Amino acid sequence: MSITSAMFTGVSGLLANAEGINVIGNNLANVNTVGFKSGRMLFSDLLSTNIGNSSQIGRGTQIQKVDNVFGQGSFESTELVTDVALQGNSFFALGVPKGNATVATQSSAYLTRAGAFRVDDTYHLVNPDGYQVLDTAGNPIQFLATAAGATPAAGDFAKISKIGSDGSITYIDALGSTYYYDAAGVIGTTTFTAATNNKIAVINPPNPGGLDKIGGTLFQPGTASGVPAAAFSLASNTANGTSEKIFSNSLEQSNVDMAGQFVKMILTQRAYSANSKTITTADEMTQEVLNLKR
């Protein structure tokens, strides 16, 4: 191998570590983003070149994968009952903004850990960007309310009063009575039945690493995520209340560890500097060869 090969090896390290700093910068930029999951850069070596009979010399490094880290973030207590956080590995399932249509399969839903939900002007439960929260039937959660100007009737939505650990929703109607969400756009029930009342849907991907980030703290199920192309159901999309539990008046914070990110930043910076030294040293060695002819 020529000396100039060392330059290209150093360049591969510069490029890879520059992208590594981008990942670290993105993590630190989202340290206060609700439900954010940090990323990490994984490197792998390039194909080695054979020297002599059995010796091999590497050709540098390359980016193998930017991995998402799905560790549990800490919870922040809030004043809003519709702020919810998930304990466990599951995600909330969302449909498109203003879609108001059944999401046919679990793999078609948007997934998020950010549970800052609100009831909008059409009485849908939505996230701040308008994505509609799905129930365990795959329908956008919508509460019944009479038309504007009409006399309120029993069961007409007024406000959510409680969200249970299994995702069940209790609300107060316009007359001050307690109801339980049952299905989209209908009057709730006055008694709660776990086997029939729909709840906030959750999805537990077998392989979270196969999820694709699409921004807005949302993920889409990739083929490698293992999210089934099956319809929603109470049995498969309800938090069990023990290992998978929903906490009301809470938000999951970013899982970015600032101290760890700064350590990685230092190591990445030093690796970048070391690779630049490889290039300048190879350049100086080339200059020495050129100086043989005076």
C-alpha atoms as a PDB file:
ATOM      1  CA  MET A   1       0.000   0.000   0.000  1.00  0.00           C
ATOM      2  CA  SER A   2       1.164   3.521  -0.738  1.00  0.00           C
ATOM      3  CA  ILE A   3       1.427   6.274   1.836  1.00  0.00           C
ATOM      4  CA  THR A   4      -1.499   8.039   0.203  1.00  0.00           C
ATOM      5  CA  SER A   5      -3.755   5.126   1.216  1.00  0.00           C
ATOM      6  CA  ALA A   6      -3.319   6.263   4.809  1.00  0.00           C
ATOM      7  CA  MET A   7      -4.793   9.614   3.794  1.00  0.00           C
ATOM      8  CA  PHE A   8      -7.956   7.987   2.491  1.00  0.00           C
ATOM      9  CA  THR A   9      -8.142   5.876   5.652  1.00  0.00           C
ATOM     10  CA  GLY A  10      -7.949   9.075   7.701  1.00  0.00           C
ATOM     11  CA  VAL A  11     -10.612  10.718   5.525  1.00  0.00           C
ATOM     12  CA  SER A  12     -13.018   7.837   6.247  1.00  0.00           C
ATOM     13  CA  GLY A  13     -12.502   8.469   9.959  1.00  0.00           C
ATOM     14  CA  LEU A  14     -13.094  12.199   9.533  1.00  0.00           C
ATOM     15  CA  LEU A  15     -16.361  11.667   7.667  1.00  0.00           C
ATOM     16  CA  ALA A  16     -17.681   9.041  10.076  1.00  0.00           C
ATOM     17  CA  ASN A  17     -16.853  11.034  13.205  1.00  0.00           C
ATOM     18  CA  ALA A  18     -18.331  14.203  11.700  1.00  0.00           C
ATOM     19  CA  GLU A  19     -21.640  12.357  11.342  1.00  0.00           C
ATOM     20  CA  GLY A  20     -21.175  11.058  14.887  1.00  0.00           C
ATOM     21  CA  ILE A  21     -21.063  14.646  16.152  1.00  0.00           C
ATOM     22  CA  ASN A  22     -24.325  15.303  14.262  1.00  0.00           C
ATOM     23  CA  VAL A  23     -26.018  12.477  16.171  1.00  0.00           C
ATOM     24  CA  ILE A  24     -24.707  13.766  19.505  1.00  0.00           C
ATOM     25  CA  GLY A  25     -25.806  17.302  18.623  1.00  0.00           C
ATOM     26  CA  ASN A  26     -29.303  16.078  17.783  1.00  0.00           C
ATOM     27  CA  ASN A  27     -29.509  14.252  21.110  1.00  0.00           C
ATOM     28  CA  LEU A  28     -28.484  17.343  23.059  1.00  0.00           C
ATOM     29  CA  ALA A  29     -30.858  19.550  21.053  1.00  0.00           C
ATOM     30  CA  ASN A  30     -33.738  17.286  22.150  1.00  0.00           C
ATOM     31  CA  VAL A  31     -32.807  16.966  25.809  1.00  0.00           C
ATOM     32  CA  ASN A  32     -36.106  18.695  26.735  1.00  0.00           C
ATOM     33  CA  THR A  33     -38.274  17.087  24.036  1.00  0.00           C
ATOM     34  CA  VAL A  34     -41.115  15.059  25.556  1.00  0.00           C
ATOM     35  CA  GLY A  35     -40.936  11.385  24.629  1.00  0.00           C
ATOM     36  CA  PHE A  36     -37.695  11.766  22.637  1.00  0.00           C
ATOM     37  CA  LYS A  37     -35.529   8.670  22.216  1.00  0.00           C
ATOM     38  CA  SER A  38     -31.820   9.281  21.750  1.00  0.00           C
ATOM     39  CA  GLY A  39     -29.690   7.869  18.964  1.00  0.00           C
ATOM     40  CA  ARG A  40     -26.207   6.433  18.830  1.00  0.00           C
ATOM     41  CA  MET A  41     -23.771   5.988  15.968  1.00  0.00           C
ATOM     42  CA  LEU A  42     -22.434   2.490  15.305  1.00  0.00           C
ATOM     43  CA  PHE A  43     -19.231   2.175  13.270  1.00  0.00           C
ATOM     44  CA  SER A  44     -17.766  -0.781  11.399  1.00  0.00           C
ATOM     45  CA  ASP A  45     -14.410  -1.289   9.715  1.00  0.00           C
ATOM     46  CA  LEU A  46     -13.912  -1.254   5.958  1.00  0.00           C
ATOM     47  CA  LEU A  47     -12.719  -4.210   3.935  1.00  0.00           C
ATOM     48  CA  SER A  48      -9.078  -4.987   4.654  1.00  0.00           C
ATOM     49  CA  THR A  49      -6.374  -5.236   2.015  1.00  0.00           C
ATOM     50  CA  ASN A  50      -4.123  -8.280   1.910  1.00  0.00           C
ATOM     51  CA  ILE A  51      -0.423  -7.585   2.324  1.00  0.00           C
ATOM     52  CA  GLY A  52       1.962 -10.433   1.578  1.00  0.00           C
ATOM     53  CA  ASN A  53       0.794 -13.953   2.261  1.00  0.00           C
ATOM     54  CA  SER A  54      -1.398 -13.552   5.335  1.00  0.00           C
ATOM     55  CA  SER A  55      -1.241  -9.982   6.644  1.00  0.00           C
ATOM     56  CA  GLN A  56      -4.161  -7.594   6.318  1.00  0.00           C
ATOM     57  CA  ILE A  57      -4.364  -3.833   6.654  1.00  0.00           C
ATOM     58  CA  GLY A  58      -7.675  -2.077   7.257  1.00  0.00           C
ATOM     59  CA  ARG A  59      -8.960   0.655   4.964  1.00  0.00           C
ATOM     60  CA  GLY A  60     -10.711   2.787   7.573  1.00  0.00           C
ATOM     61  CA  THR A  61     -14.190   3.008   9.082  1.00  0.00           C
ATOM     62  CA  GLN A  62     -17.761   3.489   7.936  1.00  0.00           C
ATOM     63  CA  ILE A  63     -21.151   4.225   9.492  1.00  0.00           C
ATOM     64  CA  GLN A  64     -22.863   0.908  10.187  1.00  0.00           C
ATOM     65  CA  LYS A  65     -26.133   2.234  11.630  1.00  0.00           C
ATOM     66  CA  VAL A  66     -27.639   5.091  13.594  1.00  0.00           C
ATOM     67  CA  ASP A  67     -29.387   3.159  16.350  1.00  0.00           C
ATOM     68  CA  ASN A  68     -32.342   4.459  18.379  1.00  0.00           C
ATOM     69  CA  VAL A  69     -32.058   3.911  22.129  1.00  0.00           C
ATOM     70  CA  PHE A  70     -35.476   3.124  23.616  1.00  0.00           C
ATOM     71  CA  GLY A  71     -34.621   3.235  27.304  1.00  0.00           C
ATOM     72  CA  GLN A  72     -37.313   4.526  29.672  1.00  0.00           C
ATOM     73  CA  GLY A  73     -37.227   8.286  30.289  1.00  0.00           C
ATOM     74  CA  SER A  74     -38.081   9.865  33.624  1.00  0.00           C
ATOM     75  CA  PHE A  75     -41.628  11.079  34.333  1.00  0.00           C
ATOM     76  CA  GLU A  76     -42.666  14.662  35.001  1.00  0.00           C
ATOM     77  CA  SER A  77     -45.842  15.352  36.972  1.00  0.00           C
ATOM     78  CA  THR A  78     -48.242  17.787  35.283  1.00  0.00           C
ATOM     79  CA  GLU A  79     -51.570  19.473  36.026  1.00  0.00           C
ATOM     80  CA  LEU A  80     -53.429  18.048  33.023  1.00  0.00           C
ATOM     81  CA  VAL A  81     -55.248  14.730  33.266  1.00  0.00           C
ATOM     82  CA  THR A  82     -54.825  14.195  29.499  1.00  0.00           C
ATOM     83  CA  ASP A  83     -51.027  14.208  29.856  1.00  0.00           C
ATOM     84  CA  VAL A  84     -50.153  10.509  29.910  1.00  0.00           C
ATOM     85  CA  ALA A  85     -46.912   8.554  30.106  1.00  0.00           C
ATOM     86  CA  LEU A  86     -46.213   4.899  29.396  1.00  0.00           C
ATOM     87  CA  GLN A  87     -44.289   2.546  31.635  1.00  0.00           C
ATOM     88  CA  GLY A  88     -42.878  -0.349  29.639  1.00  0.00           C
ATOM     89  CA  ASN A  89     -41.963  -0.914  26.010  1.00  0.00           C
ATOM     90  CA  SER A  90     -45.238   0.036  24.324  1.00  0.00           C
ATOM     91  CA  PHE A  91     -46.139   3.105  22.254  1.00  0.00           C
ATOM     92  CA  PHE A  92     -49.314   5.112  21.870  1.00  0.00           C
ATOM     93  CA  ALA A  93     -51.021   4.552  18.500  1.00  0.00           C
ATOM     94  CA  LEU A  94     -52.046   7.589  16.453  1.00  0.00           C
ATOM     95  CA  GLY A  95     -53.922   8.223  13.215  1.00  0.00           C
ATOM     96  CA  VAL A  96     -53.506  11.072  10.746  1.00  0.00           C
ATOM     97  CA  PRO A  97     -54.721  14.613  11.646  1.00  0.00           C
ATOM     98  CA  LYS A  98     -58.400  15.190  10.806  1.00  0.00           C
ATOM     99  CA  GLY A  99     -58.560  11.661   9.405  1.00  0.00           C
ATOM    100  CA  ASN A 100     -61.489  10.475  11.535  1.00  0.00           C
ATOM    101  CA  ALA A 101     -61.282   7.022   9.972  1.00  0.00           C
ATOM    102  CA  THR A 102     -60.502   3.572  11.319  1.00  0.00           C
ATOM    103  CA  VAL A 103     -56.848   2.574  11.016  1.00  0.00           C
ATOM    104  CA  ALA A 104     -57.120  -0.857   9.457  1.00  0.00           C
ATOM    105  CA  THR A 105     -53.944  -2.447  10.809  1.00  0.00           C
ATOM    106  CA  GLN A 106     -51.542  -1.869  13.690  1.00  0.00           C
ATOM    107  CA  SER A 107     -48.656  -1.513  11.229  1.00  0.00           C
ATOM    108  CA  SER A 108     -50.466   1.454   9.617  1.00  0.00           C
ATOM    109  CA  ALA A 109     -50.534   3.533  12.813  1.00  0.00           C
ATOM    110  CA  TYR A 110     -48.070   6.192  13.886  1.00  0.00           C
ATOM    111  CA  LEU A 111     -46.330   5.413  17.176  1.00  0.00           C
ATOM    112  CA  THR A 112     -45.186   7.812  19.886  1.00  0.00           C
ATOM    113  CA  ARG A 113     -44.095   7.935  23.516  1.00  0.00           C
ATOM    114  CA  ALA A 114     -45.056  11.608  23.831  1.00  0.00           C
ATOM    115  CA  GLY A 115     -48.440  11.635  25.560  1.00  0.00           C
ATOM    116  CA  ALA A 116     -49.266  15.351  25.679  1.00  0.00           C
ATOM    117  CA  PHE A 117     -52.833  14.854  24.463  1.00  0.00           C
ATOM    118  CA  ARG A 118     -55.741  17.303  24.271  1.00  0.00           C
ATOM    119  CA  VAL A 119     -59.401  17.266  23.198  1.00  0.00           C
ATOM    120  CA  ASP A 120     -59.750  19.422  20.063  1.00  0.00           C
ATOM    121  CA  ASP A 121     -62.680  21.427  18.686  1.00  0.00           C
ATOM    122  CA  THR A 122     -64.210  18.300  17.106  1.00  0.00           C
ATOM    123  CA  TYR A 123     -64.010  16.409  20.435  1.00  0.00           C
ATOM    124  CA  HIS A 124     -61.159  14.158  19.227  1.00  0.00           C
ATOM    125  CA  LEU A 125     -58.287  13.276  21.541  1.00  0.00           C
ATOM    126  CA  VAL A 126     -55.192  14.503  19.670  1.00  0.00           C
ATOM    127  CA  ASN A 127     -51.500  15.280  20.129  1.00  0.00           C
ATOM    128  CA  PRO A 128     -50.202  18.880  19.719  1.00  0.00           C
ATOM    129  CA  ASP A 129     -49.792  18.343  15.944  1.00  0.00           C
ATOM    130  CA  GLY A 130     -53.375  17.121  15.538  1.00  0.00           C
ATOM    131  CA  TYR A 131     -52.634  13.395  15.146  1.00  0.00           C
ATOM    132  CA  GLN A 132     -55.654  11.536  16.501  1.00  0.00           C
ATOM    133  CA  VAL A 133     -55.229   9.105  19.384  1.00  0.00           C
ATOM    134  CA  LEU A 134     -56.611   5.664  18.515  1.00  0.00           C
ATOM    135  CA  ASP A 135     -58.711   3.392  20.702  1.00  0.00           C
ATOM    136  CA  THR A 136     -58.427  -0.382  20.957  1.00  0.00           C
ATOM    137  CA  ALA A 137     -60.753  -0.781  17.968  1.00  0.00           C
ATOM    138  CA  GLY A 138     -58.433   1.288  15.765  1.00  0.00           C
ATOM    139  CA  ASN A 139     -60.824   4.254  15.706  1.00  0.00           C
ATOM    140  CA  PRO A 140     -59.848   7.854  16.529  1.00  0.00           C
ATOM    141  CA  ILE A 141     -61.081   8.586  20.057  1.00  0.00           C
ATOM    142  CA  GLN A 142     -64.009  10.999  19.718  1.00  0.00           C
ATOM    143  CA  PHE A 143     -66.519  12.028  22.347  1.00  0.00           C
ATOM    144  CA  LEU A 144     -70.169  12.760  21.659  1.00  0.00           C
ATOM    145  CA  ALA A 145     -71.436  16.311  21.995  1.00  0.00           C
ATOM    146  CA  THR A 146     -74.699  17.872  20.785  1.00  0.00           C
ATOM    147  CA  ALA A 147     -74.653  20.493  18.052  1.00  0.00           C
ATOM    148  CA  ALA A 148     -73.805  24.054  19.038  1.00  0.00           C
ATOM    149  CA  GLY A 149     -76.771  25.853  20.557  1.00  0.00           C
ATOM    150  CA  ALA A 150     -78.691  22.691  21.393  1.00  0.00           C
ATOM    151  CA  THR A 151     -79.706  21.801  24.934  1.00  0.00           C
ATOM    152  CA  PRO A 152     -77.078  19.492  26.468  1.00  0.00           C
ATOM    153  CA  ALA A 153     -78.172  15.890  26.807  1.00  0.00           C
ATOM    154  CA  ALA A 154     -77.100  13.132  29.156  1.00  0.00           C
ATOM    155  CA  GLY A 155     -73.755  11.708  28.068  1.00  0.00           C
ATOM    156  CA  ASP A 156     -72.644  14.780  26.103  1.00  0.00           C
ATOM    157  CA  PHE A 157     -68.939  15.334  26.680  1.00  0.00           C
ATOM    158  CA  ALA A 158     -67.748  18.099  28.989  1.00  0.00           C
ATOM    159  CA  LYS A 159     -64.277  17.093  30.197  1.00  0.00           C
ATOM    160  CA  ILE A 160     -62.051  14.088  30.883  1.00  0.00           C
ATOM    161  CA  SER A 161     -61.797  13.432  34.611  1.00  0.00           C
ATOM    162  CA  LYS A 162     -59.564  10.343  34.757  1.00  0.00           C
ATOM    163  CA  ILE A 163     -57.426   8.041  32.605  1.00  0.00           C
ATOM    164  CA  GLY A 164     -56.785   4.623  34.128  1.00  0.00           C
ATOM    165  CA  SER A 165     -53.576   2.601  34.106  1.00  0.00           C
ATOM    166  CA  ASP A 166     -55.111   0.381  31.409  1.00  0.00           C
ATOM    167  CA  GLY A 167     -56.044   3.371  29.221  1.00  0.00           C
ATOM    168  CA  SER A 168     -59.714   3.514  30.198  1.00  0.00           C
ATOM    169  CA  ILE A 169     -61.185   7.028  30.007  1.00  0.00           C
ATOM    170  CA  THR A 170     -63.635   8.518  32.508  1.00  0.00           C
ATOM    171  CA  TYR A 171     -65.370  11.750  31.554  1.00  0.00           C
ATOM    172  CA  ILE A 172     -67.928  14.155  32.962  1.00  0.00           C
ATOM    173  CA  ASP A 173     -70.944  14.950  30.806  1.00  0.00           C
ATOM    174  CA  ALA A 174     -72.561  18.363  30.378  1.00  0.00           C
ATOM    175  CA  LEU A 175     -74.954  17.603  33.245  1.00  0.00           C
ATOM    176  CA  GLY A 176     -72.187  16.687  35.699  1.00  0.00           C
ATOM    177  CA  SER A 177     -72.634  12.900  35.582  1.00  0.00           C
ATOM    178  CA  THR A 178     -69.809  10.392  35.210  1.00  0.00           C
ATOM    179  CA  TYR A 179     -69.450   8.353  32.011  1.00  0.00           C
ATOM    180  CA  TYR A 180     -66.871   5.967  30.593  1.00  0.00           C
ATOM    181  CA  TYR A 181     -65.604   6.132  27.013  1.00  0.00           C
ATOM    182  CA  ASP A 182     -66.936   3.187  25.041  1.00  0.00           C
ATOM    183  CA  ALA A 183     -66.572   3.813  21.293  1.00  0.00           C
ATOM    184  CA  ALA A 184     -65.890   6.711  18.948  1.00  0.00           C
ATOM    185  CA  GLY A 185     -68.678   9.279  18.568  1.00  0.00           C
ATOM    186  CA  VAL A 186     -71.251   7.597  20.814  1.00  0.00           C
ATOM    187  CA  ILE A 187     -72.495   8.171  24.321  1.00  0.00           C
ATOM    188  CA  GLY A 188     -70.280   6.470  26.880  1.00  0.00           C
ATOM    189  CA  THR A 189     -71.464   3.941  29.435  1.00  0.00           C
ATOM    190  CA  THR A 190     -72.485   4.717  33.007  1.00  0.00           C
ATOM    191  CA  THR A 191     -70.712   1.579  34.223  1.00  0.00           C
ATOM    192  CA  PHE A 192     -67.272   0.432  33.084  1.00  0.00           C
ATOM    193  CA  THR A 193     -66.786  -3.094  31.699  1.00  0.00           C
ATOM    194  CA  ALA A 194     -63.146  -3.963  31.029  1.00  0.00           C
ATOM    195  CA  ALA A 195     -64.076  -6.657  28.499  1.00  0.00           C
ATOM    196  CA  THR A 196     -66.088  -4.332  26.246  1.00  0.00           C
ATOM    197  CA  ASN A 197     -65.218  -0.658  26.808  1.00  0.00           C
ATOM    198  CA  ASN A 198     -62.543   0.534  24.376  1.00  0.00           C
ATOM    199  CA  LYS A 199     -59.452   2.222  25.785  1.00  0.00           C
ATOM    200  CA  ILE A 200     -56.404   4.180  24.601  1.00  0.00           C
ATOM    201  CA  ALA A 201     -54.575   1.800  22.267  1.00  0.00           C
ATOM    202  CA  VAL A 202     -50.946   0.834  22.792  1.00  0.00           C
ATOM    203  CA  ILE A 203     -48.664  -1.188  20.520  1.00  0.00           C
ATOM    204  CA  ASN A 204     -45.656  -3.162  21.740  1.00  0.00           C
ATOM    205  CA  PRO A 205     -43.205  -3.719  18.836  1.00  0.00           C
ATOM    206  CA  PRO A 206     -41.195  -6.940  19.203  1.00  0.00           C
ATOM    207  CA  ASN A 207     -38.197  -5.107  17.707  1.00  0.00           C
ATOM    208  CA  PRO A 208     -38.290  -1.360  18.454  1.00  0.00           C
ATOM    209  CA  GLY A 209     -34.990  -0.990  16.587  1.00  0.00           C
ATOM    210  CA  GLY A 210     -36.938  -1.589  13.380  1.00  0.00           C
ATOM    211  CA  LEU A 211     -39.045   1.563  13.860  1.00  0.00           C
ATOM    212  CA  ASP A 212     -38.347   4.549  11.606  1.00  0.00           C
ATOM    213  CA  LYS A 213     -38.198   8.079  13.010  1.00  0.00           C
ATOM    214  CA  ILE A 214     -40.303  10.517  10.988  1.00  0.00           C
ATOM    215  CA  GLY A 215     -40.046  13.626  13.196  1.00  0.00           C
ATOM    216  CA  GLY A 216     -42.484  15.133  15.663  1.00  0.00           C
ATOM    217  CA  THR A 217     -41.519  12.362  18.145  1.00  0.00           C
ATOM    218  CA  LEU A 218     -43.347   9.942  15.836  1.00  0.00           C
ATOM    219  CA  PHE A 219     -42.262   6.562  14.552  1.00  0.00           C
ATOM    220  CA  GLN A 220     -43.542   4.394  11.728  1.00  0.00           C
ATOM    221  CA  PRO A 221     -43.373   0.605  11.953  1.00  0.00           C
ATOM    222  CA  GLY A 222     -40.832  -0.795   9.503  1.00  0.00           C
ATOM    223  CA  THR A 223     -40.951  -4.364   8.274  1.00  0.00           C
ATOM    224  CA  ALA A 224     -38.224  -5.322  10.761  1.00  0.00           C
ATOM    225  CA  SER A 225     -40.143  -3.902  13.754  1.00  0.00           C
ATOM    226  CA  GLY A 226     -42.434  -6.908  13.993  1.00  0.00           C
ATOM    227  CA  VAL A 227     -45.600  -4.795  14.381  1.00  0.00           C
ATOM    228  CA  PRO A 228     -48.315  -7.057  12.954  1.00  0.00           C
ATOM    229  CA  ALA A 229     -50.428  -6.184   9.927  1.00  0.00           C
ATOM    230  CA  ALA A 230     -53.462  -7.157  11.991  1.00  0.00           C
ATOM    231  CA  ALA A 231     -56.520  -5.249  13.170  1.00  0.00           C
ATOM    232  CA  PHE A 232     -56.637  -3.577  16.582  1.00  0.00           C
ATOM    233  CA  SER A 233     -58.294  -5.441  19.435  1.00  0.00           C
ATOM    234  CA  LEU A 234     -58.900  -5.091  23.162  1.00  0.00           C
ATOM    235  CA  ALA A 235     -56.836  -8.196  23.828  1.00  0.00           C
ATOM    236  CA  SER A 236     -53.679  -7.147  21.967  1.00  0.00           C
ATOM    237  CA  ASN A 237     -53.712  -3.347  22.291  1.00  0.00           C
ATOM    238  CA  THR A 238     -54.629  -2.723  25.941  1.00  0.00           C
ATOM    239  CA  ALA A 239     -51.990  -1.850  28.542  1.00  0.00           C
ATOM    240  CA  ASN A 240     -52.048  -4.699  31.067  1.00  0.00           C
ATOM    241  CA  GLY A 241     -51.797  -2.322  34.031  1.00  0.00           C
ATOM    242  CA  THR A 242     -48.704  -4.029  35.473  1.00  0.00           C
ATOM    243  CA  SER A 243     -45.631  -4.292  33.214  1.00  0.00           C
ATOM    244  CA  GLU A 244     -47.336  -1.956  30.721  1.00  0.00           C
ATOM    245  CA  LYS A 245     -49.003   0.869  32.607  1.00  0.00           C
ATOM    246  CA  ILE A 246     -50.384   4.283  31.682  1.00  0.00           C
ATOM    247  CA  PHE A 247     -49.849   7.168  34.127  1.00  0.00           C
ATOM    248  CA  SER A 248     -52.158  10.165  33.925  1.00  0.00           C
ATOM    249  CA  ASN A 249     -50.985  13.686  34.874  1.00  0.00           C
ATOM    250  CA  SER A 250     -47.513  12.642  33.713  1.00  0.00           C
ATOM    251  CA  LEU A 251     -45.218  13.071  30.716  1.00  0.00           C
ATOM    252  CA  GLU A 252     -42.203  10.972  29.809  1.00  0.00           C
ATOM    253  CA  GLN A 253     -39.136  13.145  29.357  1.00  0.00           C
ATOM    254  CA  SER A 254     -36.303  12.669  26.881  1.00  0.00           C
ATOM    255  CA  ASN A 255     -34.029   9.731  27.711  1.00  0.00           C
ATOM    256  CA  VAL A 256     -30.907  11.699  26.709  1.00  0.00           C
ATOM    257  CA  ASP A 257     -28.151  11.451  29.343  1.00  0.00           C
ATOM    258  CA  MET A 258     -26.334  14.789  29.057  1.00  0.00           C
ATOM    259  CA  ALA A 259     -23.219  13.621  30.926  1.00  0.00           C
ATOM    260  CA  GLY A 260     -22.903  10.559  28.706  1.00  0.00           C
ATOM    261  CA  GLN A 261     -23.392  12.664  25.566  1.00  0.00           C
ATOM    262  CA  PHE A 262     -20.645  15.088  26.582  1.00  0.00           C
ATOM    263  CA  VAL A 263     -18.245  12.202  27.184  1.00  0.00           C
ATOM    264  CA  LYS A 264     -19.085  10.846  23.732  1.00  0.00           C
ATOM    265  CA  MET A 265     -18.567  14.327  22.298  1.00  0.00           C
ATOM    266  CA  ILE A 266     -15.054  14.489  23.775  1.00  0.00           C
ATOM    267  CA  LEU A 267     -14.185  11.021  22.454  1.00  0.00           C
ATOM    268  CA  THR A 268     -15.581  11.833  19.017  1.00  0.00           C
ATOM    269  CA  GLN A 269     -13.681  15.117  18.890  1.00  0.00           C
ATOM    270  CA  ARG A 270     -10.444  13.364  19.838  1.00  0.00           C
ATOM    271  CA  ALA A 271     -11.061  10.663  17.236  1.00  0.00           C
ATOM    272  CA  TYR A 272     -11.636  13.367  14.610  1.00  0.00           C
ATOM    273  CA  SER A 273      -8.382  15.088  15.618  1.00  0.00           C
ATOM    274  CA  ALA A 274      -6.490  11.792  15.537  1.00  0.00           C
ATOM    275  CA  ASN A 275      -7.698  11.046  12.015  1.00  0.00           C
ATOM    276  CA  SER A 276      -6.665  14.513  10.872  1.00  0.00           C
ATOM    277  CA  LYS A 277      -3.200  13.791  12.319  1.00  0.00           C
ATOM    278  CA  THR A 278      -3.084  10.604  10.230  1.00  0.00           C
ATOM    279  CA  ILE A 279      -3.627  12.680   7.110  1.00  0.00           C
ATOM    280  CA  THR A 280      -1.045  15.351   7.998  1.00  0.00           C
ATOM    281  CA  THR A 281       1.513  12.705   9.001  1.00  0.00           C
ATOM    282  CA  ALA A 282       1.029  10.844   5.709  1.00  0.00           C
ATOM    283  CA  ASP A 283       1.447  14.180   3.925  1.00  0.00           C
ATOM    284  CA  GLU A 284       4.714  14.851   5.781  1.00  0.00           C
ATOM    285  CA  MET A 285       5.995  11.366   4.889  1.00  0.00           C
ATOM    286  CA  THR A 286       5.153  12.001   1.245  1.00  0.00           C
ATOM    287  CA  GLN A 287       7.058  15.284   1.456  1.00  0.00           C
ATOM    288  CA  GLU A 288      10.077  13.396   2.828  1.00  0.00           C
ATOM    289  CA  VAL A 289      10.026  11.130  -0.230  1.00  0.00           C
ATOM    290  CA  LEU A 290       9.878  14.160  -2.528  1.00  0.00           C
ATOM    291  CA  ASN A 291      12.837  15.689  -0.681  1.00  0.00           C
ATOM    292  CA  LEU A 292      15.028  12.717  -1.608  1.00  0.00           C
ATOM    293  CA  LYS A 293      15.543  14.465  -4.936  1.00  0.00           C
ATOM    294  CA  ARG A 294      17.209  17.801  -4.207  1.00  0.00           C
END
